[in-house]
């Protein structure tokens, strides 16, 4: 069965911008669109809803109905469905990610969600999601396809491959280029190497090691995506600062993040935390599992 593109809404302006982005993305990918809203009123099963709970239910259903109208206007050819999820927002979205091609959220919410986005949703959901999570950030120019470029931060191992594969697949449906970036630091700023490219190429300087890491990550994917133009960049500086700066000339920034099954301490690391708060464009966090 074809998995839908799922977007979580709360009625805020940012969540509606996420809905528009998700509708456009559903068109690009040819996927059905699932619009979800988390509400806890249904958790009081077996008891007649109080007046307050009934009002909450009615407001949630109106919100979903209005969102469906908006999405169908923007993507008239796509199948649109709505679901009211009976749980707290983070828990509900993580559960929804099990049956989604990707999960889309806004960069901030309102009401009870204001403190959750981009905190809990973009960090906790990104760490626990079973599918890629896209946090829609930036102005209208960056939320569209202005730059015809996807920026991907290339880390190490499985995370690099997961992020690159997502970015390349996205480039195929958008018909755009990919800029693969690996940040590097001068020797005095580098941590002591433990394993990986740093150990395998001890004779190389930091920039050369960064280039070697890019080549190693991209090597297996070249034959899989021959139609995509990939520009490889090694840039000096802290990774989070490099990616935030370069996101100003991209339509989407892609990162890999290790998948976690725990319910506490969920963060995609310093880089993910920084870009989810400060990137100029939407950010896709792609989960991967450590071998």
Protein backbone atom coordinates (compact mmCIF):
# COMPACT_ATOMS: atom_id res chain seq x y z
CA UNK A 1 0.00 0.00 0.00
CA UNK A 2 1.26 3.45 -0.87
CA UNK A 3 2.21 5.40 2.24
CA UNK A 4 0.88 8.96 2.46
CA UNK A 5 2.75 12.16 3.07
CA UNK A 6 1.56 13.16 6.55
CA UNK A 7 1.37 16.70 7.90
CA UNK A 8 0.57 17.70 11.46
CA UNK A 9 -1.44 20.88 11.94
CA UNK A 10 -2.54 22.93 14.94
CA UNK A 11 -4.21 25.91 13.26
CA UNK A 12 -1.24 28.27 13.61
CA UNK A 13 0.04 30.23 10.62
CA UNK A 14 3.23 28.16 10.60
CA UNK A 15 1.31 24.89 10.54
CA UNK A 16 -0.76 26.16 7.61
CA UNK A 17 2.45 27.02 5.78
CA UNK A 18 3.59 23.47 6.52
CA UNK A 19 0.29 22.22 5.08
CA UNK A 20 0.87 24.17 1.86
CA UNK A 21 4.42 22.81 1.62
CA UNK A 22 3.16 19.27 2.20
CA UNK A 23 0.46 19.66 -0.47
CA UNK A 24 3.10 20.76 -2.98
CA UNK A 25 5.34 17.89 -1.93
CA UNK A 26 2.51 15.39 -2.34
CA UNK A 27 2.07 16.62 -5.91
CA UNK A 28 5.81 16.33 -6.60
CA UNK A 29 5.94 12.77 -5.25
CA UNK A 30 2.52 11.68 -6.48
CA UNK A 31 1.48 10.67 -2.96
CA UNK A 32 -1.80 10.93 -1.06
CA UNK A 33 -1.83 13.62 1.63
CA UNK A 34 -2.84 12.81 5.20
CA UNK A 35 -3.63 15.75 7.48
CA UNK A 36 -3.57 15.00 11.20
CA UNK A 37 -4.37 16.99 14.31
CA UNK A 38 -3.67 15.76 17.84
CA UNK A 39 -6.39 16.19 20.43
CA UNK A 40 -6.70 14.54 23.83
CA UNK A 41 -10.50 14.72 24.19
CA UNK A 42 -10.92 11.19 22.79
CA UNK A 43 -8.82 9.77 25.62
CA UNK A 44 -11.82 10.08 27.92
CA UNK A 45 -13.42 6.99 26.46
CA UNK A 46 -16.63 5.62 27.91
CA UNK A 47 -17.80 8.93 29.35
CA UNK A 48 -20.01 11.51 27.71
CA UNK A 49 -17.88 14.51 26.73
CA UNK A 50 -18.23 17.52 28.94
CA UNK A 51 -19.23 20.80 27.34
CA UNK A 52 -15.60 21.82 27.15
CA UNK A 53 -14.55 18.50 25.61
CA UNK A 54 -17.38 18.67 23.09
CA UNK A 55 -16.29 22.15 22.05
CA UNK A 56 -12.72 20.95 21.70
CA UNK A 57 -13.84 18.08 19.50
CA UNK A 58 -15.95 20.34 17.31
CA UNK A 59 -13.13 22.88 16.95
CA UNK A 60 -10.66 20.12 16.03
CA UNK A 61 -12.99 18.71 13.39
CA UNK A 62 -13.55 22.18 11.91
CA UNK A 63 -9.81 22.72 11.82
CA UNK A 64 -9.29 19.50 9.89
CA UNK A 65 -12.17 20.22 7.52
CA UNK A 66 -10.81 23.69 6.72
CA UNK A 67 -7.33 22.25 6.22
CA UNK A 68 -8.68 19.65 3.81
CA UNK A 69 -10.39 22.37 1.75
CA UNK A 70 -7.15 24.34 1.63
CA UNK A 71 -5.12 21.29 0.60
CA UNK A 72 -7.58 20.19 -2.10
CA UNK A 73 -7.55 23.69 -3.57
CA UNK A 74 -3.75 23.63 -3.72
CA UNK A 75 -3.44 20.00 -4.89
CA UNK A 76 -6.73 19.13 -6.60
CA UNK A 77 -5.44 15.90 -8.14
CA UNK A 78 -4.14 14.38 -4.91
CA UNK A 79 -6.12 12.24 -2.51
CA UNK A 80 -6.56 14.05 0.80
CA UNK A 81 -7.65 12.46 4.06
CA UNK A 82 -7.87 13.78 7.62
CA UNK A 83 -7.48 12.17 11.02
CA UNK A 84 -8.05 13.39 14.55
CA UNK A 85 -5.45 11.65 16.71
CA UNK A 86 -6.29 10.93 20.33
CA UNK A 87 -3.04 11.74 22.06
CA UNK A 88 -0.52 14.43 22.89
CA UNK A 89 1.07 16.01 19.76
CA UNK A 90 4.53 14.46 19.98
CA UNK A 91 3.29 10.95 20.80
CA UNK A 92 0.61 11.16 18.12
CA UNK A 93 3.01 12.28 15.41
CA UNK A 94 5.58 9.64 16.27
CA UNK A 95 2.85 7.00 15.98
CA UNK A 96 1.68 8.49 12.67
CA UNK A 97 5.24 8.27 11.34
CA UNK A 98 4.98 4.47 11.29
CA UNK A 99 2.62 4.72 8.33
CA UNK A 100 3.99 7.75 6.48
CA UNK A 101 6.39 8.32 3.62
CA UNK A 102 7.45 11.49 5.43
CA UNK A 103 6.12 13.61 8.29
CA UNK A 104 5.81 17.40 7.92
CA UNK A 105 5.46 19.95 10.72
CA UNK A 106 5.60 23.71 11.06
CA UNK A 107 8.52 25.45 12.72
CA UNK A 108 6.41 26.70 15.64
CA UNK A 109 2.89 26.33 16.89
CA UNK A 110 0.44 28.22 18.99
CA UNK A 111 -1.27 27.50 22.25
CA UNK A 112 0.08 24.30 23.79
CA UNK A 113 2.19 23.65 20.70
CA UNK A 114 4.18 26.86 20.87
CA UNK A 115 6.60 25.34 23.35
CA UNK A 116 6.74 22.05 21.46
CA UNK A 117 7.86 23.42 18.10
CA UNK A 118 10.67 23.45 17.18
CA UNK A 119 11.59 21.93 20.54
CA UNK A 120 9.81 18.65 21.14
CA UNK A 121 8.37 18.10 17.66
CA UNK A 122 11.46 18.89 15.64
CA UNK A 123 13.84 17.33 18.15
CA UNK A 124 11.91 14.50 19.80
CA UNK A 125 9.98 13.49 16.70
CA UNK A 126 13.11 13.74 14.56
CA UNK A 127 14.85 11.42 16.99
CA UNK A 128 12.00 8.92 17.30
CA UNK A 129 10.27 9.11 13.91
CA UNK A 130 10.15 6.02 11.74
CA UNK A 131 10.24 8.17 8.61
CA UNK A 132 11.93 11.41 7.52
CA UNK A 133 10.66 14.54 9.27
CA UNK A 134 10.48 17.88 7.44
CA UNK A 135 10.27 21.01 9.58
CA UNK A 136 9.03 23.81 7.33
CA UNK A 137 11.02 26.97 7.98
CA UNK A 138 11.85 30.12 6.08
CA UNK A 139 10.06 32.77 4.07
CA UNK A 140 7.98 32.11 0.98
CA UNK A 141 11.01 32.26 -1.28
CA UNK A 142 12.76 29.48 0.62
CA UNK A 143 9.65 27.34 0.97
CA UNK A 144 9.25 27.13 -2.81
CA UNK A 145 11.66 26.03 -5.51
CA UNK A 146 13.43 29.33 -5.99
CA UNK A 147 17.01 28.14 -5.85
CA UNK A 148 16.58 24.76 -7.55
CA UNK A 149 19.04 23.36 -5.04
CA UNK A 150 18.94 20.87 -2.18
CA UNK A 151 21.65 21.22 0.45
CA UNK A 152 22.72 18.08 2.29
CA UNK A 153 25.11 17.88 5.22
CA UNK A 154 27.34 14.84 4.83
CA UNK A 155 28.37 13.28 8.11
CA UNK A 156 29.83 9.83 8.65
CA UNK A 157 28.72 6.28 7.89
CA UNK A 158 25.07 5.33 7.60
CA UNK A 159 23.87 8.83 8.44
CA UNK A 160 25.63 10.29 5.41
CA UNK A 161 24.20 7.65 3.08
CA UNK A 162 20.65 8.04 4.45
CA UNK A 163 20.72 11.83 4.07
CA UNK A 164 22.27 11.69 0.61
CA UNK A 165 19.79 9.11 -0.68
CA UNK A 166 16.86 11.21 0.55
CA UNK A 167 18.33 14.37 -0.99
CA UNK A 168 18.99 12.66 -4.32
CA UNK A 169 15.49 11.18 -4.49
CA UNK A 170 14.06 14.60 -3.72
CA UNK A 171 16.22 16.14 -6.46
CA UNK A 172 14.81 13.65 -8.95
CA UNK A 173 11.19 14.64 -8.30
CA UNK A 174 12.08 18.34 -8.27
CA UNK A 175 14.42 18.21 -11.24
CA UNK A 176 17.06 20.19 -9.35
CA UNK A 177 20.68 19.90 -8.23
CA UNK A 178 22.21 18.76 -4.96
CA UNK A 179 25.00 20.46 -3.04
CA UNK A 180 26.70 17.94 -0.76
CA UNK A 181 28.68 19.66 1.97
CA UNK A 182 31.26 18.35 4.42
CA UNK A 183 32.59 20.81 6.97
CA UNK A 184 36.16 20.60 8.19
CA UNK A 185 38.26 22.27 10.86
CA UNK A 186 41.92 23.15 11.12
CA UNK A 187 43.97 20.65 13.08
CA UNK A 188 43.88 22.64 16.31
CA UNK A 189 40.06 22.48 16.30
CA UNK A 190 39.71 18.79 15.40
CA UNK A 191 38.87 16.09 17.98
CA UNK A 192 41.24 13.16 18.33
CA UNK A 193 40.21 10.67 15.60
CA UNK A 194 38.72 7.38 16.74
CA UNK A 195 37.70 5.57 13.59
CA UNK A 196 36.52 6.08 10.03
CA UNK A 197 38.09 8.19 7.31
CA UNK A 198 40.38 10.00 9.75
CA UNK A 199 42.09 6.72 10.63
CA UNK A 200 42.17 5.32 7.13
CA UNK A 201 43.88 8.38 5.65
CA UNK A 202 46.37 9.54 8.30
CA UNK A 203 48.56 11.30 5.72
CA UNK A 204 45.85 13.71 4.60
CA UNK A 205 45.12 17.15 5.96
CA UNK A 206 41.66 18.04 7.32
CA UNK A 207 40.31 19.43 4.06
CA UNK A 208 41.57 16.43 2.11
CA UNK A 209 39.99 14.09 4.65
CA UNK A 210 36.70 15.95 4.25
CA UNK A 211 36.89 15.50 0.47
CA UNK A 212 37.67 11.81 0.91
CA UNK A 213 34.64 11.43 3.19
CA UNK A 214 32.43 13.07 0.57
CA UNK A 215 33.73 10.75 -2.12
CA UNK A 216 33.22 7.69 0.08
CA UNK A 217 29.62 8.62 0.90
CA UNK A 218 28.64 9.55 -2.65
CA UNK A 219 30.46 6.72 -4.38
CA UNK A 220 27.77 4.00 -4.06
CA UNK A 221 24.97 6.40 -5.00
CA UNK A 222 26.30 7.76 -8.29
CA UNK A 223 24.99 4.86 -10.38
CA UNK A 224 21.67 4.94 -8.55
CA UNK A 225 20.96 8.59 -9.40
CA UNK A 226 22.86 9.37 -12.61
CA UNK A 227 20.39 12.09 -13.62
CA UNK A 228 21.14 14.32 -10.63
CA UNK A 229 23.88 16.95 -10.76
CA UNK A 230 25.82 16.87 -7.49
CA UNK A 231 28.19 19.63 -6.44
CA UNK A 232 30.64 18.57 -3.74
CA UNK A 233 31.84 21.20 -1.27
CA UNK A 234 34.30 21.08 1.59
CA UNK A 235 33.90 24.15 3.79
CA UNK A 236 35.98 25.21 6.77
CA UNK A 237 34.06 25.88 9.97
CA UNK A 238 31.72 24.30 12.53
CA UNK A 239 29.18 22.12 10.73
CA UNK A 240 26.08 23.81 12.14
CA UNK A 241 27.32 27.29 11.22
CA UNK A 242 28.31 26.20 7.72
CA UNK A 243 24.93 24.61 7.01
CA UNK A 244 22.92 27.51 8.45
CA UNK A 245 24.83 29.96 6.27
CA UNK A 246 24.48 27.89 3.11
CA UNK A 247 20.77 27.24 3.76
CA UNK A 248 20.13 30.80 2.61
CA UNK A 249 20.60 29.60 -0.98
CA UNK A 250 18.71 26.32 -0.81
CA UNK A 251 15.11 25.11 -1.03
CA UNK A 252 15.67 22.26 1.42
CA UNK A 253 18.38 21.24 3.88
CA UNK A 254 18.80 17.51 4.60
CA UNK A 255 20.48 15.89 7.60
CA UNK A 256 20.82 12.34 8.87
CA UNK A 257 19.92 11.55 12.48
CA UNK A 258 20.24 8.25 14.39
CA UNK A 259 16.88 6.63 15.16
CA UNK A 260 16.13 6.29 18.87
CA UNK A 261 13.45 4.19 20.53
CA UNK A 262 13.70 5.81 23.96
CA UNK A 263 11.19 8.38 25.18
CA UNK A 264 13.61 10.69 26.96
CA UNK A 265 16.74 12.56 26.04
CA UNK A 266 15.74 12.76 22.41
CA UNK A 267 17.81 15.15 20.35
CA UNK A 268 19.38 14.87 16.89
CA UNK A 269 22.60 16.41 18.19
CA UNK A 270 24.05 19.90 18.20
CA UNK A 271 23.97 20.26 14.43
CA UNK A 272 20.34 19.17 14.13
CA UNK A 273 19.31 21.30 17.10
CA UNK A 274 20.94 24.40 15.60
CA UNK A 275 19.67 24.08 12.05
CA UNK A 276 16.13 23.26 13.17
CA UNK A 277 16.11 26.58 15.00
CA UNK A 278 18.06 28.77 12.60
CA UNK A 279 18.07 27.41 9.03
CA UNK A 280 16.70 29.75 6.37
CA UNK A 281 14.84 26.95 4.53
CA UNK A 282 12.85 23.80 5.38
CA UNK A 283 14.90 21.08 7.09
CA UNK A 284 14.52 17.34 6.48
CA UNK A 285 15.84 15.07 9.23
CA UNK A 286 16.31 11.53 7.94
CA UNK A 287 16.46 8.73 10.54
CA UNK A 288 18.90 5.88 10.25
CA UNK A 289 19.75 2.91 12.43
CA UNK A 290 23.24 2.21 13.69
CA UNK A 291 24.57 -1.15 12.46
